[in-house]
């Protein structure tokens, strides 16, 4: 069978693209080696982050670089083989992280993030997934007056972009989350119009089911080769060959492996995260996800239990798991909440796709017709999936674009 569009990648981004295309009368195949919601979309912190108007630049201050170098931090760790393999992308990351560059990048990034909740709501409503969503915001905890004051200043500025917040003292935190121990904290930012998701994987699966209800097709296959033909594309997998008029690559950290044989080599690099769930008891019940700003980890209420999610580990895709960062995080997390019984026998690990200028690639390929890219969302693929899906559908069907996509073109790395 021939499809109008094949979307390779069944995470939040790829599933959202397929959904938007199918909703607008396309005949779409969603193709991946695992079913929707099984990889990075399964393991994130479960937040739709309307407040995420700022990027994460490479450390440039000497004090910050010295802090990271011992490789014992809870927020960021690295492995030497990954530094060597991705050194060119990391050098670009450092260059893009000057204050002037970050200011411009964030002004472009914010055009996407401002639509994240409204675009999710469209898909939530259509998919009947409202029971997975809590719209009471989340808590950004601070251990020092210095970091809290910096966060307060940024939060005040963010109001101009529609981001709402409250500042909480320790007593207000205790009233909001009585199970938690806030003795090591000085206060928090309560981000009010960001949303929590009780099961990120289930949300992606709900979107995927709704896509199927609209007569979209999902296939679980490992792509072996992509061939351009006179009238479109041939996708050869380990089980079958598929044909389409148009092709979208939205495979997250695996995207470069798919497009490199076609002559593209974008500076995409992975950042790994870990999580583990702990059984919920009367003593550790919480209502809000809580981000320890100074230690760089999130603890949140999930259907599977209390999820503890680490910051980032710079490593290669196939490197064995290293639980050192998670084990260090758990020492701090267990001072906040009584976490006793782990749900899984081994913690989960997954990789996020990152670009050196902290922006995703969303747009047409410059060497082939009827080929589009949508990847590199870093920590925000879950948040920006539906927005990306809308934009890709608008491009493919030559509609007016909701935002200017020139800053997200793949060609920015070939200039």
Foldseek 3Di string as FASTA:
>chain_A
DEFAEEEEAQELQSLLLLLLQLVVPGAYEYEYQDHYLPFPLQDFQQKQCLPPLAFDADDDDPVVVVVPVVQQALFEGEDPVLCVVLVVQQVLLNVCRDPVNRVVLSVQVNLQSNCLVVLLVVLCVLLVPCVQKDQAAFKEFEQDPVVVVVVVVSQVVCVVSVWDKDKFAPVRVCVQWVLWDCPRTGTIIGGRGMMGGQGSSVSSVSSNVSSVVSVHHYDNWAWDAWDADPQDIWTDTPPDIYHHNAYEYAHFQCRQVHCVVVPDHASKFKWKKKKWFFADDPNFDHDHWYAHNVRNWIWGRHPLHTMIMTHTYSDHQPDDDDCSSVVVVVVVVCNTHPGDGISDPDMDMHIGIAGSNQAAAFAADPPDPRYTYTYHNGSCCSSRSSVSSNQNSCVVVVHDGSDDCVVRHSCVVVD
